[in-house]
Amino acid sequence: MIITIASFKGGVGKTTSAIHLAAYLQQKDSTLLIDGDQNRSATTWAAGGSLPFKVVSETQAPKYIRNFEHIVIDTQARPEQKDLEALADGCDLLILPTTPKALDLDALLRTVDVLSKLGASFKVLLTIVPPPPSRSGAEARQLLAESNLPVFRSEIKRLVAFERAPLEGVVVKDYADPRALVAWQGYEDLGKEILP
């Protein structure tokens, strides 16, 4: 299965989602993460050598891709229309992460507009959702439903472990924090929606 994660806006959990989804898929079968972002955030995260899957750049991908059952692609932020066309055509599932913030939702809707014109299939993932009593996650989910957009039931909570795990080069479930497993649960739920 080839899964691409894309967004018109940075800071919405694109790389974090790519890393954690690859970790979930690796539990099922061999998984490769292709770091297509110019910032090389996934490659930096992997430099610690503790991720349970292989991370390569897009230029290295042709050498490795045939050896893996699952491929996760972390794209560059703000892809151009021609890039979106290629991304949409070259994967089995296109995931669009967004936070519940108004500007992030606006960027998501612009991405969806472009993808809809291309006839692309995609699904939205709510990320960095604040804990109660904030209602921003529920309000964002309602807006997306009213816009008739396909949205994962799973959502990713805003937790400090997500900020700190990359510093140690680990997936959040392997980070020494009492809430790390709560953080991991969101991606485990997402993984089960994609590949039970």
N, C-alpha and C. Protein backbone atom coordinates (compact mmCIF):
# COMPACT_ATOMS: atom_id res chain seq x y z
N MET A 1 0.84 -1.17 0.00
CA MET A 1 0.00 0.00 0.00
C MET A 1 0.89 1.24 0.00
N ILE A 2 0.53 2.22 -0.83
CA ILE A 2 1.27 3.49 -0.89
C ILE A 2 0.37 4.58 -0.31
N ILE A 3 0.86 5.23 0.74
CA ILE A 3 0.12 6.29 1.41
C ILE A 3 0.92 7.57 1.33
N THR A 4 0.28 8.63 0.85
CA THR A 4 0.93 9.94 0.75
C THR A 4 0.28 10.89 1.73
N ILE A 5 1.10 11.68 2.40
CA ILE A 5 0.60 12.68 3.35
C ILE A 5 1.01 14.04 2.83
N ALA A 6 0.02 14.92 2.60
CA ALA A 6 0.29 16.21 1.96
C ALA A 6 -0.50 17.32 2.62
N SER A 7 0.02 18.56 2.51
CA SER A 7 -0.68 19.73 3.04
C SER A 7 -0.16 20.98 2.37
N PHE A 8 -1.05 21.95 2.18
CA PHE A 8 -0.64 23.26 1.69
C PHE A 8 0.02 24.09 2.78
N LYS A 9 -0.07 23.64 4.03
CA LYS A 9 0.42 24.44 5.15
C LYS A 9 1.34 23.61 6.02
N GLY A 10 2.41 24.22 6.50
CA GLY A 10 3.29 23.55 7.43
C GLY A 10 2.71 23.60 8.84
N GLY A 11 3.28 22.82 9.74
CA GLY A 11 2.88 22.86 11.14
C GLY A 11 1.57 22.17 11.46
N VAL A 12 1.12 21.28 10.57
CA VAL A 12 -0.16 20.60 10.81
C VAL A 12 0.04 19.12 11.19
N GLY A 13 1.26 18.71 11.42
CA GLY A 13 1.51 17.33 11.82
C GLY A 13 1.74 16.38 10.65
N LYS A 14 2.19 16.91 9.53
CA LYS A 14 2.40 16.08 8.34
C LYS A 14 3.52 15.05 8.57
N THR A 15 4.67 15.49 8.97
CA THR A 15 5.79 14.56 9.20
C THR A 15 5.52 13.66 10.40
N THR A 16 4.95 14.22 11.45
CA THR A 16 4.61 13.41 12.63
C THR A 16 3.65 12.29 12.23
N SER A 17 2.69 12.62 11.39
CA SER A 17 1.73 11.60 10.92
C SER A 17 2.42 10.57 10.04
N ALA A 18 3.31 11.00 9.18
CA ALA A 18 4.04 10.06 8.32
C ALA A 18 4.87 9.08 9.16
N ILE A 19 5.59 9.60 10.15
CA ILE A 19 6.43 8.77 11.01
C ILE A 19 5.59 7.74 11.76
N HIS A 20 4.51 8.21 12.37
CA HIS A 20 3.72 7.31 13.22
C HIS A 20 2.87 6.32 12.42
N LEU A 21 2.42 6.73 11.26
CA LEU A 21 1.69 5.80 10.41
C LEU A 21 2.65 4.72 9.89
N ALA A 22 3.86 5.12 9.53
CA ALA A 22 4.86 4.13 9.10
C ALA A 22 5.17 3.15 10.24
N ALA A 23 5.24 3.65 11.46
CA ALA A 23 5.49 2.77 12.61
C ALA A 23 4.37 1.76 12.79
N TYR A 24 3.12 2.22 12.61
CA TYR A 24 1.99 1.29 12.72
C TYR A 24 2.05 0.24 11.60
N LEU A 25 2.28 0.68 10.38
CA LEU A 25 2.31 -0.24 9.24
C LEU A 25 3.45 -1.24 9.36
N GLN A 26 4.57 -0.81 9.93
CA GLN A 26 5.72 -1.70 10.11
C GLN A 26 5.36 -2.88 11.00
N GLN A 27 4.41 -2.68 11.91
CA GLN A 27 3.95 -3.79 12.76
C GLN A 27 3.23 -4.86 11.94
N LYS A 28 2.70 -4.45 10.77
CA LYS A 28 1.96 -5.37 9.90
C LYS A 28 2.85 -6.02 8.86
N ASP A 29 3.77 -5.20 8.26
CA ASP A 29 4.66 -5.71 7.22
C ASP A 29 5.75 -4.67 6.97
N SER A 30 6.74 -5.02 6.18
CA SER A 30 7.87 -4.12 5.94
C SER A 30 7.40 -2.78 5.37
N THR A 31 7.91 -1.70 5.95
CA THR A 31 7.46 -0.35 5.60
C THR A 31 8.64 0.57 5.35
N LEU A 32 8.52 1.37 4.29
CA LEU A 32 9.53 2.36 3.92
C LEU A 32 8.89 3.74 3.98
N LEU A 33 9.58 4.70 4.59
CA LEU A 33 9.11 6.08 4.58
C LEU A 33 10.00 6.87 3.63
N ILE A 34 9.38 7.52 2.65
CA ILE A 34 10.12 8.36 1.70
C ILE A 34 9.98 9.81 2.15
N ASP A 35 11.10 10.44 2.44
CA ASP A 35 11.12 11.83 2.90
C ASP A 35 11.24 12.74 1.68
N GLY A 36 10.10 13.26 1.23
CA GLY A 36 10.07 14.14 0.07
C GLY A 36 10.02 15.61 0.43
N ASP A 37 10.15 15.93 1.71
CA ASP A 37 10.10 17.31 2.17
C ASP A 37 11.51 17.90 2.10
N GLN A 38 11.62 19.11 1.59
CA GLN A 38 12.93 19.75 1.47
C GLN A 38 13.59 19.98 2.83
N ASN A 39 12.78 20.09 3.89
CA ASN A 39 13.33 20.27 5.24
C ASN A 39 13.99 19.00 5.77
N ARG A 40 13.67 17.86 5.16
CA ARG A 40 14.20 16.56 5.58
C ARG A 40 13.94 16.28 7.07
N SER A 41 12.76 16.66 7.54
CA SER A 41 12.41 16.45 8.95
C SER A 41 12.36 14.97 9.32
N ALA A 42 11.79 14.13 8.45
CA ALA A 42 11.73 12.70 8.75
C ALA A 42 13.13 12.10 8.80
N THR A 43 14.00 12.54 7.90
CA THR A 43 15.38 12.05 7.89
C THR A 43 16.11 12.46 9.17
N THR A 44 15.89 13.68 9.60
CA THR A 44 16.49 14.17 10.85
C THR A 44 15.97 13.35 12.03
N TRP A 45 14.66 13.10 12.05
CA TRP A 45 14.05 12.31 13.12
C TRP A 45 14.67 10.91 13.16
N ALA A 46 14.91 10.35 11.99
CA ALA A 46 15.45 8.98 11.89
C ALA A 46 16.94 8.90 12.21
N ALA A 47 17.63 10.03 12.25
CA ALA A 47 19.08 10.02 12.43
C ALA A 47 19.51 9.35 13.73
N GLY A 48 18.63 9.33 14.73
CA GLY A 48 18.95 8.67 15.99
C GLY A 48 19.02 7.16 15.87
N GLY A 49 18.49 6.63 14.76
CA GLY A 49 18.59 5.21 14.49
C GLY A 49 17.64 4.32 15.27
N SER A 50 16.62 4.90 15.89
CA SER A 50 15.71 4.09 16.71
C SER A 50 14.32 3.91 16.13
N LEU A 51 14.11 4.36 14.91
CA LEU A 51 12.79 4.15 14.30
C LEU A 51 12.72 2.71 13.79
N PRO A 52 11.53 2.09 13.86
CA PRO A 52 11.41 0.67 13.48
C PRO A 52 11.26 0.42 11.98
N PHE A 53 11.52 1.42 11.15
CA PHE A 53 11.37 1.28 9.70
C PHE A 53 12.47 2.11 9.04
N LYS A 54 12.64 1.91 7.74
CA LYS A 54 13.68 2.62 6.99
C LYS A 54 13.14 3.94 6.45
N VAL A 55 13.97 4.98 6.49
CA VAL A 55 13.64 6.29 5.93
C VAL A 55 14.68 6.61 4.85
N VAL A 56 14.19 7.00 3.66
CA VAL A 56 15.08 7.38 2.56
C VAL A 56 14.56 8.66 1.91
N SER A 57 15.43 9.32 1.17
CA SER A 57 15.00 10.50 0.40
C SER A 57 14.32 10.02 -0.88
N GLU A 58 13.64 10.94 -1.55
CA GLU A 58 12.97 10.54 -2.80
C GLU A 58 13.97 10.13 -3.88
N THR A 59 15.19 10.65 -3.82
CA THR A 59 16.18 10.24 -4.83
C THR A 59 16.71 8.83 -4.53
N GLN A 60 16.68 8.40 -3.28
CA GLN A 60 17.10 7.04 -2.92
C GLN A 60 15.99 6.02 -3.14
N ALA A 61 14.75 6.47 -3.18
CA ALA A 61 13.58 5.59 -3.19
C ALA A 61 13.62 4.49 -4.26
N PRO A 62 14.00 4.79 -5.51
CA PRO A 62 13.97 3.72 -6.53
C PRO A 62 14.80 2.49 -6.15
N LYS A 63 15.88 2.69 -5.42
CA LYS A 63 16.73 1.56 -5.01
C LYS A 63 16.03 0.66 -4.00
N TYR A 64 15.20 1.25 -3.12
CA TYR A 64 14.63 0.51 -2.00
C TYR A 64 13.18 0.08 -2.16
N ILE A 65 12.43 0.81 -2.95
CA ILE A 65 10.97 0.69 -2.95
C ILE A 65 10.46 -0.73 -3.21
N ARG A 66 11.13 -1.48 -4.04
CA ARG A 66 10.64 -2.82 -4.40
C ARG A 66 10.77 -3.82 -3.25
N ASN A 67 11.50 -3.47 -2.20
CA ASN A 67 11.72 -4.38 -1.08
C ASN A 67 10.72 -4.23 0.06
N PHE A 68 9.72 -3.36 -0.12
CA PHE A 68 8.81 -3.05 0.98
C PHE A 68 7.35 -3.23 0.56
N GLU A 69 6.55 -3.71 1.50
CA GLU A 69 5.13 -3.93 1.27
C GLU A 69 4.35 -2.61 1.36
N HIS A 70 4.74 -1.76 2.31
CA HIS A 70 4.05 -0.48 2.51
C HIS A 70 5.03 0.68 2.30
N ILE A 71 4.53 1.71 1.65
CA ILE A 71 5.32 2.92 1.41
C ILE A 71 4.53 4.10 1.95
N VAL A 72 5.17 4.92 2.79
CA VAL A 72 4.57 6.16 3.28
C VAL A 72 5.41 7.30 2.73
N ILE A 73 4.76 8.28 2.11
CA ILE A 73 5.48 9.40 1.51
C ILE A 73 5.15 10.67 2.26
N ASP A 74 6.19 11.29 2.83
CA ASP A 74 6.05 12.60 3.49
C ASP A 74 6.44 13.64 2.45
N THR A 75 5.46 14.40 1.99
CA THR A 75 5.68 15.35 0.90
C THR A 75 6.18 16.69 1.41
N GLN A 76 6.60 17.50 0.48
CA GLN A 76 6.96 18.87 0.84
C GLN A 76 5.69 19.65 1.17
N ALA A 77 5.82 20.65 2.04
CA ALA A 77 4.68 21.51 2.35
C ALA A 77 4.40 22.39 1.13
N ARG A 78 3.16 22.79 0.98
CA ARG A 78 2.73 23.67 -0.10
C ARG A 78 3.09 23.13 -1.49
N PRO A 79 2.65 21.92 -1.81
CA PRO A 79 2.95 21.40 -3.15
C PRO A 79 2.21 22.20 -4.22
N GLU A 80 2.81 22.31 -5.39
CA GLU A 80 2.17 22.99 -6.51
C GLU A 80 1.14 22.05 -7.13
N GLN A 81 0.28 22.58 -8.01
CA GLN A 81 -0.78 21.78 -8.59
C GLN A 81 -0.23 20.57 -9.33
N LYS A 82 0.84 20.74 -10.09
CA LYS A 82 1.41 19.60 -10.82
C LYS A 82 1.92 18.52 -9.86
N ASP A 83 2.44 18.97 -8.69
CA ASP A 83 2.89 18.00 -7.68
C ASP A 83 1.69 17.24 -7.11
N LEU A 84 0.60 17.96 -6.84
CA LEU A 84 -0.61 17.31 -6.33
C LEU A 84 -1.16 16.30 -7.32
N GLU A 85 -1.11 16.64 -8.60
CA GLU A 85 -1.57 15.71 -9.63
C GLU A 85 -0.78 14.41 -9.56
N ALA A 86 0.53 14.53 -9.47
CA ALA A 86 1.40 13.35 -9.41
C ALA A 86 1.17 12.57 -8.12
N LEU A 87 1.03 13.29 -7.00
CA LEU A 87 0.81 12.64 -5.72
C LEU A 87 -0.50 11.87 -5.71
N ALA A 88 -1.54 12.51 -6.19
CA ALA A 88 -2.86 11.88 -6.19
C ALA A 88 -2.89 10.63 -7.07
N ASP A 89 -2.17 10.68 -8.18
CA ASP A 89 -2.16 9.56 -9.11
C ASP A 89 -1.25 8.43 -8.64
N GLY A 90 -0.26 8.76 -7.82
CA GLY A 90 0.77 7.78 -7.48
C GLY A 90 0.60 7.10 -6.14
N CYS A 91 -0.60 7.14 -5.55
CA CYS A 91 -0.77 6.48 -4.25
C CYS A 91 -2.13 5.82 -4.14
N ASP A 92 -2.23 4.95 -3.14
CA ASP A 92 -3.50 4.27 -2.86
C ASP A 92 -4.38 5.12 -1.95
N LEU A 93 -3.75 5.93 -1.10
CA LEU A 93 -4.48 6.77 -0.15
C LEU A 93 -3.73 8.07 0.04
N LEU A 94 -4.44 9.18 -0.09
CA LEU A 94 -3.87 10.51 0.13
C LEU A 94 -4.48 11.06 1.42
N ILE A 95 -3.64 11.31 2.41
CA ILE A 95 -4.10 11.82 3.70
C ILE A 95 -3.75 13.30 3.80
N LEU A 96 -4.75 14.10 4.21
CA LEU A 96 -4.57 15.54 4.38
C LEU A 96 -4.71 15.88 5.86
N PRO A 97 -3.59 16.08 6.57
CA PRO A 97 -3.71 16.45 7.98
C PRO A 97 -4.05 17.93 8.13
N THR A 98 -4.80 18.26 9.17
CA THR A 98 -5.10 19.65 9.50
C THR A 98 -5.34 19.76 10.99
N THR A 99 -4.97 20.89 11.55
CA THR A 99 -5.33 21.17 12.92
C THR A 99 -6.71 21.83 12.91
N PRO A 100 -7.32 22.01 14.08
CA PRO A 100 -8.63 22.68 14.12
C PRO A 100 -8.55 24.21 13.97
N LYS A 101 -7.35 24.75 13.82
CA LYS A 101 -7.20 26.22 13.71
C LYS A 101 -7.80 26.72 12.40
N ALA A 102 -8.39 27.91 12.47
CA ALA A 102 -9.09 28.48 11.31
C ALA A 102 -8.19 28.59 10.08
N LEU A 103 -6.96 29.08 10.24
CA LEU A 103 -6.07 29.24 9.08
C LEU A 103 -5.66 27.89 8.48
N ASP A 104 -5.50 26.90 9.34
CA ASP A 104 -5.15 25.57 8.84
C ASP A 104 -6.32 24.95 8.09
N LEU A 105 -7.52 25.15 8.61
CA LEU A 105 -8.72 24.65 7.92
C LEU A 105 -8.91 25.34 6.58
N ASP A 106 -8.59 26.64 6.54
CA ASP A 106 -8.69 27.38 5.28
C ASP A 106 -7.70 26.81 4.25
N ALA A 107 -6.47 26.54 4.68
CA ALA A 107 -5.48 25.94 3.77
C ALA A 107 -5.94 24.56 3.32
N LEU A 108 -6.54 23.80 4.21
CA LEU A 108 -7.06 22.48 3.85
C LEU A 108 -8.13 22.61 2.77
N LEU A 109 -9.04 23.54 2.95
CA LEU A 109 -10.13 23.71 1.97
C LEU A 109 -9.58 24.11 0.60
N ARG A 110 -8.49 24.89 0.58
CA ARG A 110 -7.87 25.24 -0.71
C ARG A 110 -7.23 24.01 -1.35
N THR A 111 -6.62 23.16 -0.52
CA THR A 111 -6.04 21.91 -1.03
C THR A 111 -7.13 21.01 -1.60
N VAL A 112 -8.23 20.89 -0.85
CA VAL A 112 -9.36 20.06 -1.28
C VAL A 112 -9.93 20.58 -2.60
N ASP A 113 -10.00 21.90 -2.76
CA ASP A 113 -10.51 22.48 -3.99
C ASP A 113 -9.67 22.03 -5.19
N VAL A 114 -8.36 22.08 -5.03
CA VAL A 114 -7.46 21.66 -6.12
C VAL A 114 -7.63 20.16 -6.38
N LEU A 115 -7.66 19.37 -5.31
CA LEU A 115 -7.77 17.91 -5.47
C LEU A 115 -9.10 17.51 -6.09
N SER A 116 -10.17 18.20 -5.71
CA SER A 116 -11.49 17.89 -6.26
C SER A 116 -11.52 18.13 -7.77
N LYS A 117 -10.87 19.21 -8.21
CA LYS A 117 -10.80 19.50 -9.64
C LYS A 117 -10.01 18.43 -10.39
N LEU A 118 -9.09 17.78 -9.67
CA LEU A 118 -8.30 16.71 -10.28
C LEU A 118 -9.00 15.36 -10.21
N GLY A 119 -10.12 15.31 -9.46
CA GLY A 119 -10.82 14.05 -9.28
C GLY A 119 -10.08 13.10 -8.35
N ALA A 120 -9.24 13.64 -7.47
CA ALA A 120 -8.42 12.83 -6.58
C ALA A 120 -9.21 12.33 -5.38
N SER A 121 -8.83 11.17 -4.89
CA SER A 121 -9.43 10.60 -3.69
C SER A 121 -8.52 10.93 -2.50
N PHE A 122 -9.12 11.37 -1.39
CA PHE A 122 -8.34 11.75 -0.22
C PHE A 122 -9.19 11.58 1.03
N LYS A 123 -8.54 11.69 2.19
CA LYS A 123 -9.24 11.66 3.46
C LYS A 123 -8.52 12.60 4.43
N VAL A 124 -9.30 13.30 5.26
CA VAL A 124 -8.77 14.32 6.17
C VAL A 124 -8.49 13.71 7.54
N LEU A 125 -7.37 14.11 8.14
CA LEU A 125 -7.00 13.69 9.49
C LEU A 125 -6.88 14.93 10.38
N LEU A 126 -7.67 14.97 11.45
CA LEU A 126 -7.57 16.07 12.42
C LEU A 126 -6.38 15.81 13.34
N THR A 127 -5.48 16.78 13.44
CA THR A 127 -4.27 16.64 14.25
C THR A 127 -4.15 17.79 15.24
N ILE A 128 -3.28 17.58 16.23
CA ILE A 128 -2.95 18.60 17.23
C ILE A 128 -4.24 19.17 17.84
N VAL A 129 -5.15 18.27 18.17
CA VAL A 129 -6.45 18.65 18.73
C VAL A 129 -6.29 18.92 20.22
N PRO A 130 -6.65 20.14 20.68
CA PRO A 130 -6.52 20.45 22.11
C PRO A 130 -7.47 19.61 22.96
N PRO A 131 -7.05 19.33 24.19
CA PRO A 131 -7.91 18.54 25.08
C PRO A 131 -9.11 19.36 25.56
N PRO A 132 -10.14 18.69 26.08
CA PRO A 132 -11.27 19.42 26.67
C PRO A 132 -10.75 20.30 27.80
N PRO A 133 -11.34 21.43 28.05
CA PRO A 133 -12.69 21.81 27.64
C PRO A 133 -12.77 22.47 26.26
N SER A 134 -11.65 22.56 25.54
CA SER A 134 -11.71 23.16 24.20
C SER A 134 -12.67 22.37 23.32
N ARG A 135 -13.43 23.09 22.52
CA ARG A 135 -14.37 22.47 21.59
C ARG A 135 -13.89 22.59 20.15
N SER A 136 -12.66 23.06 19.98
CA SER A 136 -12.19 23.32 18.61
C SER A 136 -12.16 22.06 17.75
N GLY A 137 -11.81 20.91 18.33
CA GLY A 137 -11.81 19.67 17.55
C GLY A 137 -13.20 19.30 17.06
N ALA A 138 -14.18 19.38 17.95
CA ALA A 138 -15.57 19.06 17.58
C ALA A 138 -16.09 20.05 16.56
N GLU A 139 -15.75 21.33 16.73
CA GLU A 139 -16.21 22.35 15.79
C GLU A 139 -15.59 22.14 14.41
N ALA A 140 -14.29 21.79 14.38
CA ALA A 140 -13.62 21.52 13.10
C ALA A 140 -14.25 20.31 12.42
N ARG A 141 -14.52 19.27 13.20
CA ARG A 141 -15.13 18.06 12.64
C ARG A 141 -16.51 18.38 12.05
N GLN A 142 -17.26 19.24 12.72
CA GLN A 142 -18.58 19.63 12.22
C GLN A 142 -18.45 20.41 10.91
N LEU A 143 -17.49 21.35 10.84
CA LEU A 143 -17.26 22.11 9.62
C LEU A 143 -16.90 21.19 8.46
N LEU A 144 -16.05 20.22 8.71
CA LEU A 144 -15.64 19.27 7.67
C LEU A 144 -16.82 18.41 7.21
N ALA A 145 -17.65 18.01 8.17
CA ALA A 145 -18.84 17.21 7.82
C ALA A 145 -19.81 18.04 6.98
N GLU A 146 -19.99 19.31 7.36
CA GLU A 146 -20.88 20.19 6.60
C GLU A 146 -20.35 20.45 5.19
N SER A 147 -19.03 20.34 5.03
CA SER A 147 -18.41 20.52 3.71
C SER A 147 -18.38 19.20 2.93
N ASN A 148 -18.97 18.16 3.51
CA ASN A 148 -19.03 16.83 2.88
C ASN A 148 -17.65 16.26 2.56
N LEU A 149 -16.70 16.48 3.45
CA LEU A 149 -15.36 15.95 3.25
C LEU A 149 -15.19 14.64 4.00
N PRO A 150 -14.49 13.69 3.41
CA PRO A 150 -14.23 12.43 4.11
C PRO A 150 -13.19 12.66 5.21
N VAL A 151 -13.54 12.27 6.43
CA VAL A 151 -12.68 12.52 7.60
C VAL A 151 -12.51 11.22 8.37
N PHE A 152 -11.27 10.95 8.79
CA PHE A 152 -11.02 9.79 9.65
C PHE A 152 -11.74 9.99 10.98
N ARG A 153 -12.26 8.91 11.56
CA ARG A 153 -12.85 8.98 12.90
C ARG A 153 -11.77 9.29 13.93
N SER A 154 -10.59 8.76 13.72
CA SER A 154 -9.47 8.97 14.63
C SER A 154 -9.02 10.42 14.57
N GLU A 155 -8.49 10.90 15.70
CA GLU A 155 -7.87 12.22 15.69
C GLU A 155 -6.65 12.18 16.59
N ILE A 156 -5.74 13.09 16.32
CA ILE A 156 -4.48 13.11 17.03
C ILE A 156 -4.50 14.26 18.03
N LYS A 157 -4.32 13.92 19.31
CA LYS A 157 -4.37 14.91 20.38
C LYS A 157 -3.09 15.75 20.43
N ARG A 158 -3.21 16.94 20.97
CA ARG A 158 -2.04 17.79 21.20
C ARG A 158 -1.41 17.37 22.52
N LEU A 159 -0.23 16.74 22.44
CA LEU A 159 0.48 16.28 23.62
C LEU A 159 1.97 16.60 23.48
N VAL A 160 2.60 16.92 24.59
CA VAL A 160 4.01 17.31 24.59
C VAL A 160 4.91 16.19 24.07
N ALA A 161 4.52 14.95 24.27
CA ALA A 161 5.35 13.82 23.83
C ALA A 161 5.64 13.90 22.33
N PHE A 162 4.71 14.44 21.54
CA PHE A 162 4.94 14.57 20.10
C PHE A 162 6.06 15.56 19.79
N GLU A 163 6.23 16.55 20.64
CA GLU A 163 7.29 17.54 20.43
C GLU A 163 8.65 16.98 20.83
N ARG A 164 8.66 16.09 21.80
CA ARG A 164 9.93 15.62 22.36
C ARG A 164 10.46 14.33 21.74
N ALA A 165 9.56 13.48 21.25
CA ALA A 165 9.99 12.19 20.67
C ALA A 165 11.02 12.36 19.55
N PRO A 166 10.85 13.36 18.64
CA PRO A 166 11.84 13.51 17.57
C PRO A 166 13.24 13.82 18.08
N LEU A 167 13.34 14.49 19.21
CA LEU A 167 14.65 14.82 19.77
C LEU A 167 15.43 13.58 20.15
N GLU A 168 14.70 12.50 20.47
CA GLU A 168 15.35 11.24 20.83
C GLU A 168 15.35 10.26 19.67
N GLY A 169 14.74 10.67 18.54
CA GLY A 169 14.72 9.80 17.36
C GLY A 169 13.84 8.58 17.51
N VAL A 170 12.75 8.73 18.29
CA VAL A 170 11.86 7.59 18.53
C VAL A 170 10.42 7.94 18.15
N VAL A 171 9.63 6.89 18.00
CA VAL A 171 8.19 7.04 17.85
C VAL A 171 7.64 7.38 19.23
N VAL A 172 6.55 8.11 19.28
CA VAL A 172 6.04 8.61 20.55
C VAL A 172 5.77 7.51 21.57
N LYS A 173 5.37 6.33 21.14
CA LYS A 173 5.10 5.24 22.10
C LYS A 173 6.37 4.77 22.80
N ASP A 174 7.53 5.07 22.22
CA ASP A 174 8.80 4.68 22.81
C ASP A 174 9.46 5.81 23.59
N TYR A 175 8.76 6.92 23.72
CA TYR A 175 9.28 8.06 24.47
C TYR A 175 8.89 7.90 25.94
N ALA A 176 9.82 8.19 26.84
CA ALA A 176 9.58 8.02 28.28
C ALA A 176 8.73 9.17 28.82
N ASP A 177 7.43 8.98 28.72
CA ASP A 177 6.48 9.98 29.20
C ASP A 177 5.22 9.22 29.60
N PRO A 178 4.60 9.58 30.73
CA PRO A 178 3.42 8.83 31.15
C PRO A 178 2.25 8.90 30.16
N ARG A 179 2.22 9.91 29.32
CA ARG A 179 1.10 10.03 28.37
C ARG A 179 1.49 9.58 26.96
N ALA A 180 2.66 8.98 26.82
CA ALA A 180 3.13 8.58 25.50
C ALA A 180 2.20 7.56 24.85
N LEU A 181 1.69 6.64 25.62
CA LEU A 181 0.79 5.63 25.04
C LEU A 181 -0.55 6.23 24.66
N VAL A 182 -0.98 7.26 25.37
CA VAL A 182 -2.20 7.99 24.99
C VAL A 182 -1.97 8.65 23.63
N ALA A 183 -0.78 9.24 23.47
CA ALA A 183 -0.44 9.88 22.19
C ALA A 183 -0.41 8.85 21.06
N TRP A 184 0.20 7.71 21.31
CA TRP A 184 0.30 6.65 20.30
C TRP A 184 -1.07 6.12 19.91
N GLN A 185 -2.01 6.09 20.85
CA GLN A 185 -3.33 5.51 20.60
C GLN A 185 -4.02 6.15 19.39
N GLY A 186 -3.86 7.47 19.22
CA GLY A 186 -4.47 8.15 18.08
C GLY A 186 -3.98 7.58 16.75
N TYR A 187 -2.68 7.33 16.65
CA TYR A 187 -2.13 6.78 15.41
C TYR A 187 -2.43 5.29 15.26
N GLU A 188 -2.51 4.60 16.39
CA GLU A 188 -2.90 3.19 16.30
C GLU A 188 -4.34 3.08 15.80
N ASP A 189 -5.22 3.96 16.30
CA ASP A 189 -6.61 3.97 15.82
C ASP A 189 -6.67 4.32 14.33
N LEU A 190 -5.85 5.29 13.91
CA LEU A 190 -5.79 5.66 12.50
C LEU A 190 -5.34 4.48 11.66
N GLY A 191 -4.27 3.82 12.11
CA GLY A 191 -3.76 2.66 11.39
C GLY A 191 -4.81 1.59 11.22
N LYS A 192 -5.62 1.36 12.25
CA LYS A 192 -6.67 0.33 12.19
C LYS A 192 -7.78 0.74 11.21
N GLU A 193 -8.00 2.03 11.05
CA GLU A 193 -8.98 2.48 10.05
C GLU A 193 -8.47 2.21 8.64
N ILE A 194 -7.15 2.37 8.47
CA ILE A 194 -6.56 2.20 7.14
C ILE A 194 -6.30 0.73 6.83
N LEU A 195 -5.71 0.02 7.79
CA LEU A 195 -5.29 -1.37 7.58
C LEU A 195 -5.56 -2.14 8.87
N PRO A 196 -6.78 -2.64 9.01
CA PRO A 196 -7.16 -3.33 10.27
C PRO A 196 -6.28 -4.53 10.58
